[in-house]
């Protein structure tokens, strides 16, 4: 199996592994976006308020963000496959409880807490297993392209699928749909997914670090989510979160100096390439979720489109994202990771400008489609190389930590994107509501340009040669790193001879 991966030809067994892993990312992204179109129906059925259902959604984001880093670390101690299975079971149980909820507390237990915990447990193994099983840029790009593509589809089509299910059957059926997908993933993963490394029961778990990191992230996310309600509260919560995270940093440093294992090693933050990759990941999800929120609100509030109509229009972005994600492997063989990420930001910003320009000159619904398609294509083009850059920068023994950190950074970007867009829309900065939506999109485009600048500082590594040609004479990813900090690749024969340990702190 390994030989086939190293030569750029993943085995049929490895290709089957992608199905449950991609479905897992899809259903978690779906769960985070489909609730938005069912808020009114859920509030009426459960005898609660819209604010109560929004609280459940907020708590889901908080639980997920707070536990993603500890969830990634647990994979070292208990194994990637076991954590994946436990996460799937907890998520599925939460979906079933939510489908039978008779009040807001039961919905919070099922959706906010159990699905949030399940997501934090199962998502890190998805990215860790992908990094370990697909060991060259080409096959890994294809794998991450499939996974990120399904994640983007889940986030983009969540409102549409959720709206169709809620309209045709009931909002409860949307949770039954989630549970059914979980059953399919469990059956597929049981047969096809294997853990490449044994669990290490001797690994310690930093409880203090887990509490501090969770508390800090909760405060930061709460501050982000409070942005459209109270500016001072937002600043206070974010400042408090920053202080707790600083405490966490000093706790980690003290443990490392004492020879104990912390929740996150500081070596993760000494890799310049990985740090830049994390910045681009954060901005990508910020822009994606910010655009999705702004466009959805614009179509429903200004033009009165229902959730299904809005979801259908947004499928233009989904189509672009799916197309570029499917081409991730081909892109990876022809362009450097930096070039792909920069191109993605350029396309995304161009798509935003195109959306605004066509909206000004035309009132037809078809005018929205080109801009949304370009936005989706641009985001899809850069999601995979950004993940690849970060995950590939570290050896197997640090995959649990970097995966949890990477997913937390992405989740923070998602929350920040919605908060920034929401704050602009309710702030009354412009004279008319229509201009507020344009301003929100313009701000997101400006943030996209910041991501472009960050991507420009990534090292310009060479892409791997096509099959049958000699590969660049740079090291295998789990042998050692080149000067840029991005893993390179040798021929399969040379890679087999390499036994050196990667240096995760390399710049």
Protein backbone atom coordinates (compact mmCIF):
# COMPACT_ATOMS: atom_id res chain seq x y z
CA UNK A 1 0.00 0.00 0.00
CA UNK A 2 2.76 2.44 0.98
CA UNK A 3 4.71 1.81 -2.22
CA UNK A 4 1.70 2.63 -4.31
CA UNK A 5 1.16 5.86 -2.44
CA UNK A 6 4.78 6.94 -2.71
CA UNK A 7 4.82 6.37 -6.44
CA UNK A 8 1.74 8.58 -6.82
CA UNK A 9 -0.66 5.68 -7.42
CA UNK A 10 -2.81 5.14 -4.30
CA UNK A 11 -4.16 1.61 -3.99
CA UNK A 12 -7.84 0.84 -4.37
CA UNK A 13 -8.01 0.24 -0.61
CA UNK A 14 -6.70 3.73 0.08
CA UNK A 15 -9.12 5.26 -2.37
CA UNK A 16 -11.95 3.56 -0.48
CA UNK A 17 -10.65 5.10 2.75
CA UNK A 18 -11.47 8.53 1.36
CA UNK A 19 -15.20 7.81 1.22
CA UNK A 20 -15.89 7.57 4.97
CA UNK A 21 -13.37 10.31 5.80
CA UNK A 22 -14.89 12.73 3.29
CA UNK A 23 -18.42 11.86 4.44
CA UNK A 24 -17.38 12.56 8.04
CA UNK A 25 -16.21 16.05 7.08
CA UNK A 26 -19.38 16.56 5.04
CA UNK A 27 -21.80 15.73 7.85
CA UNK A 28 -19.96 17.88 10.40
CA UNK A 29 -20.00 20.87 8.02
CA UNK A 30 -23.66 20.15 7.22
CA UNK A 31 -24.55 20.12 10.92
CA UNK A 32 -22.95 23.52 11.35
CA UNK A 33 -24.88 25.22 8.54
CA UNK A 34 -28.28 23.55 8.06
CA UNK A 35 -29.74 24.85 11.34
CA UNK A 36 -29.84 28.42 10.02
CA UNK A 37 -32.87 27.78 7.79
CA UNK A 38 -34.84 25.87 10.44
CA UNK A 39 -34.67 28.33 13.33
CA UNK A 40 -38.25 29.54 13.10
CA UNK A 41 -39.71 26.05 12.70
CA UNK A 42 -37.70 24.66 15.62
CA UNK A 43 -38.59 27.60 17.87
CA UNK A 44 -42.30 27.20 17.15
CA UNK A 45 -42.32 23.42 17.58
CA UNK A 46 -40.33 23.46 20.84
CA UNK A 47 -42.19 26.42 22.31
CA UNK A 48 -39.06 28.53 22.60
CA UNK A 49 -37.74 31.69 20.95
CA UNK A 50 -35.54 32.31 17.95
CA UNK A 51 -32.89 33.55 20.39
CA UNK A 52 -33.08 30.21 22.20
CA UNK A 53 -32.36 28.23 19.04
CA UNK A 54 -29.56 30.65 18.16
CA UNK A 55 -28.13 29.95 21.62
CA UNK A 56 -28.05 26.24 20.76
CA UNK A 57 -26.14 27.01 17.55
CA UNK A 58 -23.70 29.24 19.44
CA UNK A 59 -23.07 26.54 22.05
CA UNK A 60 -22.37 24.03 19.27
CA UNK A 61 -19.66 26.34 17.91
CA UNK A 62 -18.24 26.86 21.39
CA UNK A 63 -18.03 23.17 22.26
CA UNK A 64 -16.43 22.38 18.92
CA UNK A 65 -13.84 25.18 19.16
CA UNK A 66 -13.00 24.46 22.79
CA UNK A 67 -12.45 20.71 22.40
CA UNK A 68 -10.79 20.43 18.99
CA UNK A 69 -7.22 20.73 20.32
CA UNK A 70 -7.74 18.21 23.19
CA UNK A 71 -9.56 15.98 20.69
CA UNK A 72 -6.52 15.96 18.43
CA UNK A 73 -4.18 15.15 21.32
CA UNK A 74 -6.29 12.20 22.46
CA UNK A 75 -5.60 10.43 19.18
CA UNK A 76 -2.00 9.76 20.28
CA UNK A 77 -3.08 8.04 23.48
CA UNK A 78 -6.12 6.13 22.28
CA UNK A 79 -5.50 5.82 18.54
CA UNK A 80 -6.87 7.60 15.50
CA UNK A 81 -9.40 4.91 14.54
CA UNK A 82 -10.79 4.59 18.07
CA UNK A 83 -11.24 8.36 18.46
CA UNK A 84 -12.93 8.46 15.07
CA UNK A 85 -15.37 5.72 16.08
CA UNK A 86 -16.12 7.28 19.47
CA UNK A 87 -16.68 10.65 17.82
CA UNK A 88 -19.06 9.12 15.28
CA UNK A 89 -21.00 7.34 18.02
CA UNK A 90 -21.33 10.48 20.16
CA UNK A 91 -22.33 12.58 17.14
CA UNK A 92 -24.92 10.03 16.03
CA UNK A 93 -26.39 9.79 19.52
CA UNK A 94 -26.64 13.57 19.66
CA UNK A 95 -28.45 13.65 16.31
CA UNK A 96 -31.00 11.07 17.48
CA UNK A 97 -31.61 12.89 20.77
CA UNK A 98 -32.08 16.14 18.85
CA UNK A 99 -34.61 14.52 16.51
CA UNK A 100 -36.77 13.55 19.52
CA UNK A 101 -36.24 16.81 21.45
CA UNK A 102 -39.34 18.05 23.28
CA UNK A 103 -37.80 21.30 24.47
CA UNK A 104 -34.77 23.56 24.15
CA UNK A 105 -32.74 21.82 26.93
CA UNK A 106 -32.97 18.48 25.14
CA UNK A 107 -31.94 20.11 21.85
CA UNK A 108 -28.94 21.71 23.55
CA UNK A 109 -27.88 18.35 25.02
CA UNK A 110 -28.21 16.54 21.70
CA UNK A 111 -27.07 19.13 19.18
CA UNK A 112 -24.91 21.63 21.05
CA UNK A 113 -23.11 19.32 23.46
CA UNK A 114 -23.08 15.80 22.02
CA UNK A 115 -22.74 16.74 18.36
CA UNK A 116 -20.15 19.36 19.34
CA UNK A 117 -18.12 16.80 21.31
CA UNK A 118 -18.50 14.24 18.54
CA UNK A 119 -17.22 16.70 15.95
CA UNK A 120 -14.20 17.60 18.07
CA UNK A 121 -13.35 13.90 18.46
CA UNK A 122 -13.84 12.75 14.87
CA UNK A 123 -12.50 15.62 12.75
CA UNK A 124 -8.83 15.52 13.92
CA UNK A 125 -8.52 11.79 13.06
CA UNK A 126 -9.87 12.51 9.58
CA UNK A 127 -6.96 14.84 8.82
CA UNK A 128 -4.37 12.82 10.74
CA UNK A 129 -5.23 9.56 8.93
CA UNK A 130 -5.20 11.34 5.58
CA UNK A 131 -1.75 12.80 6.23
CA UNK A 132 -0.34 9.47 7.39
CA UNK A 133 -1.83 7.28 4.69
CA UNK A 134 -1.18 9.55 1.70
CA UNK A 135 2.52 10.34 1.82
CA UNK A 136 3.25 12.39 -1.29
CA UNK A 137 1.97 15.78 -2.44
CA UNK A 138 -0.02 14.45 -5.38
CA UNK A 139 -1.98 11.71 -3.62
CA UNK A 140 -2.37 13.80 -0.48
CA UNK A 141 -3.63 16.77 -2.51
CA UNK A 142 -6.22 14.51 -4.09
CA UNK A 143 -7.25 13.17 -0.69
CA UNK A 144 -7.48 16.59 0.95
CA UNK A 145 -9.25 17.88 -2.15
CA UNK A 146 -11.96 15.24 -1.72
CA UNK A 147 -12.27 15.87 2.02
CA UNK A 148 -12.25 19.67 1.83
CA UNK A 149 -14.56 19.56 -1.17
CA UNK A 150 -17.10 17.53 0.78
CA UNK A 151 -16.68 19.88 3.73
CA UNK A 152 -17.36 22.87 1.51
CA UNK A 153 -20.34 21.13 -0.05
CA UNK A 154 -21.71 20.31 3.40
CA UNK A 155 -21.40 23.93 4.51
CA UNK A 156 -22.75 25.38 1.26
CA UNK A 157 -25.63 22.93 0.72
CA UNK A 158 -26.58 22.62 4.39
CA UNK A 159 -29.19 25.39 4.12
CA UNK A 160 -30.57 23.96 0.87
CA UNK A 161 -30.75 20.33 2.01
CA UNK A 162 -31.96 21.35 5.45
CA UNK A 163 -34.58 23.62 3.92
CA UNK A 164 -35.85 20.91 1.58
CA UNK A 165 -36.04 18.30 4.34
CA UNK A 166 -37.68 20.70 6.81
CA UNK A 167 -40.21 21.85 4.20
CA UNK A 168 -41.03 18.41 2.81
CA UNK A 169 -41.02 16.47 6.09
CA UNK A 170 -39.93 18.15 9.34
CA UNK A 171 -36.89 19.75 10.91
CA UNK A 172 -36.57 16.57 12.97
CA UNK A 173 -35.95 14.59 9.79
CA UNK A 174 -32.81 16.67 9.19
CA UNK A 175 -31.31 15.19 12.37
CA UNK A 176 -32.43 11.70 11.33
CA UNK A 177 -30.60 12.34 8.05
CA UNK A 178 -27.44 13.15 10.02
CA UNK A 179 -27.76 9.96 12.08
CA UNK A 180 -28.27 7.90 8.90
CA UNK A 181 -25.09 9.32 7.35
CA UNK A 182 -23.21 8.48 10.56
CA UNK A 183 -24.36 4.84 10.30
CA UNK A 184 -23.06 4.72 6.72
CA UNK A 185 -19.70 6.17 7.80
CA UNK A 186 -19.37 3.65 10.65
CA UNK A 187 -20.02 0.73 8.31
CA UNK A 188 -17.58 2.00 5.68
CA UNK A 189 -14.84 2.93 8.16
CA UNK A 190 -15.11 -0.41 9.93
CA UNK A 191 -14.20 -2.18 6.72
CA UNK A 192 -11.75 0.21 5.07
CA UNK A 193 -10.10 2.52 7.64
CA UNK A 194 -6.99 1.21 9.40
CA UNK A 195 -4.78 3.07 11.88
CA UNK A 196 -1.20 3.16 10.51
CA UNK A 197 0.29 3.59 13.99
CA UNK A 198 -0.56 1.82 17.26
CA UNK A 199 -1.98 3.83 20.14
CA UNK A 200 0.48 4.76 22.90
CA UNK A 201 -1.25 4.21 26.25
CA UNK A 202 1.79 5.63 28.03
CA UNK A 203 1.12 9.08 26.59
CA UNK A 204 0.15 11.54 29.28
CA UNK A 205 -2.72 14.00 28.85
CA UNK A 206 -2.31 17.60 29.95
CA UNK A 207 -5.60 18.25 31.77
CA UNK A 208 -4.56 21.73 32.91
CA UNK A 209 -3.60 22.67 29.38
CA UNK A 210 -6.87 21.28 28.03
CA UNK A 211 -8.89 23.37 30.50
CA UNK A 212 -6.90 26.55 29.81
CA UNK A 213 -7.00 26.17 26.04
CA UNK A 214 -10.73 25.40 26.11
CA UNK A 215 -11.50 28.34 28.40
CA UNK A 216 -9.41 30.72 26.32
CA UNK A 217 -11.01 29.66 23.05
CA UNK A 218 -14.52 29.81 24.57
CA UNK A 219 -13.93 33.39 25.70
CA UNK A 220 -12.52 34.39 22.30
CA UNK A 221 -15.42 32.80 20.39
CA UNK A 222 -17.94 34.35 22.76
CA UNK A 223 -16.33 37.71 22.14
CA UNK A 224 -16.50 37.18 18.38
CA UNK A 225 -20.15 36.17 18.57
CA UNK A 226 -20.95 39.21 20.75
CA UNK A 227 -19.59 41.57 18.11
CA UNK A 228 -23.01 42.48 16.72
CA UNK A 229 -24.57 43.11 20.14
CA UNK A 230 -22.10 44.96 22.35
CA UNK A 231 -18.70 46.24 21.27
CA UNK A 232 -17.33 46.64 24.81
CA UNK A 233 -18.45 43.14 25.78
CA UNK A 234 -16.77 41.83 22.65
CA UNK A 235 -13.47 43.52 23.52
CA UNK A 236 -13.68 42.39 27.16
CA UNK A 237 -14.30 38.76 26.29
CA UNK A 238 -11.59 38.65 23.63
CA UNK A 239 -9.11 40.32 26.02
CA UNK A 240 -9.98 37.81 28.74
CA UNK A 241 -9.57 34.97 26.25
CA UNK A 242 -6.20 36.32 25.18
CA UNK A 243 -5.06 36.44 28.83
CA UNK A 244 -6.13 32.83 29.44
CA UNK A 245 -4.42 31.68 26.25
CA UNK A 246 -1.27 33.53 27.37
CA UNK A 247 -1.51 31.63 30.66
CA UNK A 248 -1.83 28.45 28.61
CA UNK A 249 1.32 29.37 26.66
CA UNK A 250 3.39 29.86 29.82
CA UNK A 251 1.98 26.62 31.22
CA UNK A 252 3.11 24.77 28.10
CA UNK A 253 6.58 26.30 28.28
CA UNK A 254 6.94 25.39 31.96
CA UNK A 255 5.94 21.77 31.28
CA UNK A 256 8.37 21.44 28.40
CA UNK A 257 11.22 22.84 30.48
CA UNK A 258 10.36 20.38 33.24
CA UNK A 259 10.49 17.49 30.78
CA UNK A 260 6.74 16.82 30.86
CA UNK A 261 4.47 16.52 27.83
CA UNK A 262 2.11 19.50 27.33
CA UNK A 263 -1.12 19.59 25.38
CA UNK A 264 0.66 21.35 22.51
CA UNK A 265 4.39 21.51 21.94
CA UNK A 266 5.74 25.00 21.26
CA UNK A 267 7.61 23.48 18.30
CA UNK A 268 4.35 23.81 16.38
CA UNK A 269 4.71 27.59 16.46
CA UNK A 270 8.36 27.69 15.43
CA UNK A 271 7.70 26.51 11.89
CA UNK A 272 7.32 29.64 9.76
CA UNK A 273 5.68 27.78 6.89
CA UNK A 274 3.08 26.15 9.11
CA UNK A 275 2.31 29.47 10.82
CA UNK A 276 1.67 31.13 7.47
CA UNK A 277 -0.45 28.18 6.42
CA UNK A 278 -2.56 28.53 9.57
CA UNK A 279 -3.09 32.23 8.82
CA UNK A 280 -4.31 31.42 5.31
CA UNK A 281 -6.61 28.68 6.67
CA UNK A 282 -8.16 31.08 9.15
CA UNK A 283 -8.75 33.77 6.52
CA UNK A 284 -10.12 31.28 3.98
CA UNK A 285 -12.84 30.06 6.34
CA UNK A 286 -13.47 33.62 7.56
CA UNK A 287 -14.11 34.79 4.01
CA UNK A 288 -16.10 31.68 3.00
CA UNK A 289 -18.49 31.77 5.96
CA UNK A 290 -18.70 35.56 5.89
CA UNK A 291 -19.72 35.53 2.22
CA UNK A 292 -22.20 32.70 2.76
CA UNK A 293 -23.83 34.58 5.65
CA UNK A 294 -23.92 37.93 3.83
CA UNK A 295 -25.27 36.61 0.53
CA UNK A 296 -27.86 34.41 2.27
CA UNK A 297 -29.11 37.33 4.34
CA UNK A 298 -29.08 39.64 1.31
CA UNK A 299 -31.20 37.33 -0.81
CA UNK A 300 -33.71 36.64 1.97
CA UNK A 301 -33.98 40.11 3.54
CA UNK A 302 -33.72 42.35 0.47
CA UNK A 303 -35.32 40.15 -2.18
CA UNK A 304 -37.51 37.94 0.00
CA UNK A 305 -36.22 34.61 -1.26
CA UNK A 306 -37.13 31.57 0.83
CA UNK A 307 -34.45 29.17 2.16
CA UNK A 308 -34.80 26.77 -0.76
CA UNK A 309 -34.48 29.55 -3.37
CA UNK A 310 -31.48 30.98 -1.52
CA UNK A 311 -29.86 27.56 -1.31
CA UNK A 312 -30.36 26.99 -5.04
CA UNK A 313 -28.62 30.27 -5.88
CA UNK A 314 -25.73 29.41 -3.57
CA UNK A 315 -25.19 26.13 -5.41
CA UNK A 316 -23.24 28.18 -7.94
CA UNK A 317 -20.55 28.61 -5.29
CA UNK A 318 -20.85 24.92 -4.40
CA UNK A 319 -20.31 23.96 -8.04
CA UNK A 320 -17.17 26.08 -8.25
CA UNK A 321 -15.82 24.67 -4.99
CA UNK A 322 -16.54 21.09 -6.06
CA UNK A 323 -14.88 21.59 -9.44
CA UNK A 324 -11.67 23.06 -8.04
CA UNK A 325 -11.50 20.49 -5.23
CA UNK A 326 -11.83 17.68 -7.76
CA UNK A 327 -8.91 19.17 -9.68
CA UNK A 328 -6.71 19.49 -6.57
CA UNK A 329 -4.50 16.55 -7.54
CA UNK A 330 -3.89 17.92 -11.04
CA UNK A 331 -3.18 21.40 -9.68
CA UNK A 332 -0.69 19.98 -7.14
CA UNK A 333 1.40 18.34 -9.87
CA UNK A 334 1.66 21.53 -11.90
CA UNK A 335 1.84 24.40 -9.42
CA UNK A 336 3.46 25.05 -6.07
CA UNK A 337 1.38 25.17 -2.92
CA UNK A 338 2.07 28.92 -2.62
CA UNK A 339 0.92 29.57 -6.19
CA UNK A 340 -2.33 27.68 -5.62
CA UNK A 341 -3.13 29.50 -2.39
CA UNK A 342 -2.34 32.90 -3.91
CA UNK A 343 -4.43 32.10 -6.99
CA UNK A 344 -7.30 31.04 -4.72
CA UNK A 345 -7.29 34.37 -2.90
CA UNK A 346 -7.09 36.31 -6.19
CA UNK A 347 -10.05 34.39 -7.61
CA UNK A 348 -12.09 34.78 -4.43
CA UNK A 349 -11.57 38.54 -4.28
CA UNK A 350 -12.31 38.77 -8.02
CA UNK A 351 -15.53 36.82 -7.47
CA UNK A 352 -16.64 39.24 -4.74
CA UNK A 353 -15.97 42.23 -6.99
CA UNK A 354 -17.84 40.52 -9.84
CA UNK A 355 -20.82 39.77 -7.58
CA UNK A 356 -21.06 43.41 -6.45
CA UNK A 357 -20.58 44.80 -9.97
CA UNK A 358 -23.20 42.57 -11.60
CA UNK A 359 -25.67 43.27 -8.80
CA UNK A 360 -25.35 46.98 -9.54
CA UNK A 361 -25.97 46.67 -13.29
CA UNK A 362 -28.60 43.90 -13.29
CA UNK A 363 -31.65 42.84 -11.29
CA UNK A 364 -31.75 39.30 -12.72
CA UNK A 365 -31.04 36.41 -10.37
CA UNK A 366 -28.68 35.03 -13.02
CA UNK A 367 -26.35 37.98 -12.38
CA UNK A 368 -25.38 36.50 -9.01
CA UNK A 369 -24.21 33.19 -10.43
CA UNK A 370 -20.87 34.13 -12.10
CA UNK A 371 -19.51 35.87 -9.00
CA UNK A 372 -20.60 33.06 -6.69
CA UNK A 373 -19.07 30.44 -8.99
CA UNK A 374 -15.72 32.26 -9.10
CA UNK A 375 -15.78 32.66 -5.30
CA UNK A 376 -16.44 28.95 -4.84
CA UNK A 377 -13.74 27.98 -7.34
CA UNK A 378 -11.21 30.24 -5.64
CA UNK A 379 -11.94 28.97 -2.13
CA UNK A 380 -11.85 25.36 -3.29
CA UNK A 381 -8.53 25.90 -5.05
CA UNK A 382 -6.77 27.08 -1.89
CA UNK A 383 -8.37 25.03 0.89
CA UNK A 384 -6.51 21.85 -0.03
CA UNK A 385 -2.98 23.31 -0.40
CA UNK A 386 -3.36 25.25 2.86
CA UNK A 387 -4.24 22.08 4.77
CA UNK A 388 -1.49 20.22 2.93
CA UNK A 389 1.10 22.84 3.85
CA UNK A 390 0.24 22.70 7.55
CA UNK A 391 -0.23 18.95 7.97
CA UNK A 392 2.83 18.06 5.88
CA UNK A 393 5.11 20.32 7.89
CA UNK A 394 5.24 17.86 10.79
CA UNK A 395 6.02 14.17 11.34
CA UNK A 396 3.60 11.46 12.46
CA UNK A 397 4.19 11.97 16.18
CA UNK A 398 2.92 15.57 15.97
CA UNK A 399 -0.06 14.97 13.70
CA UNK A 400 -2.53 14.78 16.61
CA UNK A 401 -1.47 18.17 17.91
CA UNK A 402 -1.22 20.03 14.60
CA UNK A 403 -4.53 18.60 13.39
CA UNK A 404 -6.37 19.83 16.48
CA UNK A 405 -4.69 23.23 16.25
CA UNK A 406 -5.43 23.51 12.53
CA UNK A 407 -9.12 22.71 12.97
CA UNK A 408 -9.42 25.17 15.88
CA UNK A 409 -7.88 27.93 13.78
CA UNK A 410 -10.32 27.18 10.95
CA UNK A 411 -13.32 27.18 13.32
CA UNK A 412 -12.23 30.50 14.75
CA UNK A 413 -12.10 31.87 11.21
CA UNK A 414 -15.63 30.63 10.54
CA UNK A 415 -16.96 32.33 13.68
CA UNK A 416 -15.06 35.53 12.94
CA UNK A 417 -16.36 35.71 9.37
CA UNK A 418 -19.99 35.51 10.46
CA UNK A 419 -19.39 37.98 13.30
CA UNK A 420 -17.67 40.58 11.11
CA UNK A 421 -20.37 40.39 8.44
CA UNK A 422 -23.17 40.47 11.03
CA UNK A 423 -21.68 43.47 12.82
CA UNK A 424 -21.46 45.49 9.59
CA UNK A 425 -25.04 44.62 8.63
CA UNK A 426 -26.56 45.77 11.95
CA UNK A 427 -24.26 48.72 12.63
CA UNK A 428 -26.12 51.14 10.35
CA UNK A 429 -22.90 52.47 8.84
CA UNK A 430 -24.45 53.11 5.42
CA UNK A 431 -27.54 55.07 4.41
CA UNK A 432 -29.44 52.08 3.01
CA UNK A 433 -29.55 48.36 3.96
CA UNK A 434 -28.51 47.37 0.44
CA UNK A 435 -25.25 49.29 0.80
CA UNK A 436 -24.54 47.56 4.11
CA UNK A 437 -24.39 44.22 2.33
CA UNK A 438 -22.06 45.67 -0.28
CA UNK A 439 -19.85 47.08 2.46
CA UNK A 440 -19.73 43.72 4.23
CA UNK A 441 -18.61 42.01 1.02
CA UNK A 442 -16.03 44.74 0.39
CA UNK A 443 -14.57 44.25 3.88
CA UNK A 444 -14.39 40.48 3.29
CA UNK A 445 -12.59 41.16 -0.01
CA UNK A 446 -10.07 43.35 1.83
CA UNK A 447 -9.47 40.58 4.36
CA UNK A 448 -8.96 38.23 1.43
CA UNK A 449 -6.19 40.52 0.22
CA UNK A 450 -4.54 40.15 3.65
CA UNK A 451 -4.62 36.39 3.09
CA UNK A 452 -3.02 36.91 -0.32
CA UNK A 453 -0.16 38.84 1.27
CA UNK A 454 0.35 36.10 3.90
CA UNK A 455 0.37 33.43 1.18
CA UNK A 456 3.01 35.35 -0.79
CA UNK A 457 5.50 34.70 2.04
CA UNK A 458 5.11 30.93 1.76
CA UNK A 459 8.12 29.17 0.24
CA UNK A 460 7.91 28.51 -3.50
CA UNK A 461 8.62 24.78 -3.47
CA UNK A 462 8.66 22.77 -6.67
CA UNK A 463 5.73 20.50 -7.50
CA UNK A 464 6.37 16.74 -7.84
CA UNK A 465 7.18 15.39 -11.28
CA UNK A 466 4.56 13.45 -13.24
CA UNK A 467 4.44 9.67 -12.89
CA UNK A 468 7.33 7.98 -14.67
CA UNK A 469 9.69 10.95 -14.34
CA UNK A 470 12.33 11.50 -11.70
CA UNK A 471 11.08 13.46 -8.73
CA UNK A 472 12.85 16.53 -7.28
CA UNK A 473 15.82 15.58 -5.15
CA UNK A 474 14.32 16.86 -1.92
CA UNK A 475 13.52 14.68 1.08
CA UNK A 476 10.53 12.45 1.74
CA UNK A 477 8.04 14.17 4.11
CA UNK A 478 8.68 11.80 6.98
CA UNK A 479 12.42 11.69 6.47
CA UNK A 480 13.49 15.32 6.77
CA UNK A 481 12.56 18.80 5.60
CA UNK A 482 14.16 21.11 3.13
CA UNK A 483 15.26 24.61 4.04
CA UNK A 484 11.83 26.08 3.39
CA UNK A 485 10.12 23.86 5.95
CA UNK A 486 7.85 22.25 3.35
CA UNK A 487 8.39 18.53 2.81
CA UNK A 488 9.81 17.60 -0.55
CA UNK A 489 9.89 14.23 -2.25
CA UNK A 490 12.43 11.77 -3.59
CA UNK A 491 12.01 8.68 -5.65
CA UNK A 492 10.41 5.74 -3.82
CA UNK A 493 13.76 3.96 -3.69
CA UNK A 494 15.56 6.91 -2.13
CA UNK A 495 12.69 7.53 0.25
CA UNK A 496 12.93 3.98 1.52
CA UNK A 497 16.57 4.53 2.38
CA UNK A 498 15.87 7.66 4.38
CA UNK A 499 15.43 7.16 8.11
CA UNK A 500 16.14 10.58 9.55
CA UNK A 501 13.60 12.18 11.85
CA UNK A 502 11.90 15.35 10.61
CA UNK A 503 12.64 18.58 12.36
CA UNK A 504 9.27 20.21 13.17
CA UNK A 505 10.96 23.44 14.16
CA UNK A 506 12.60 24.01 10.82
CA UNK A 507 11.89 27.29 9.09
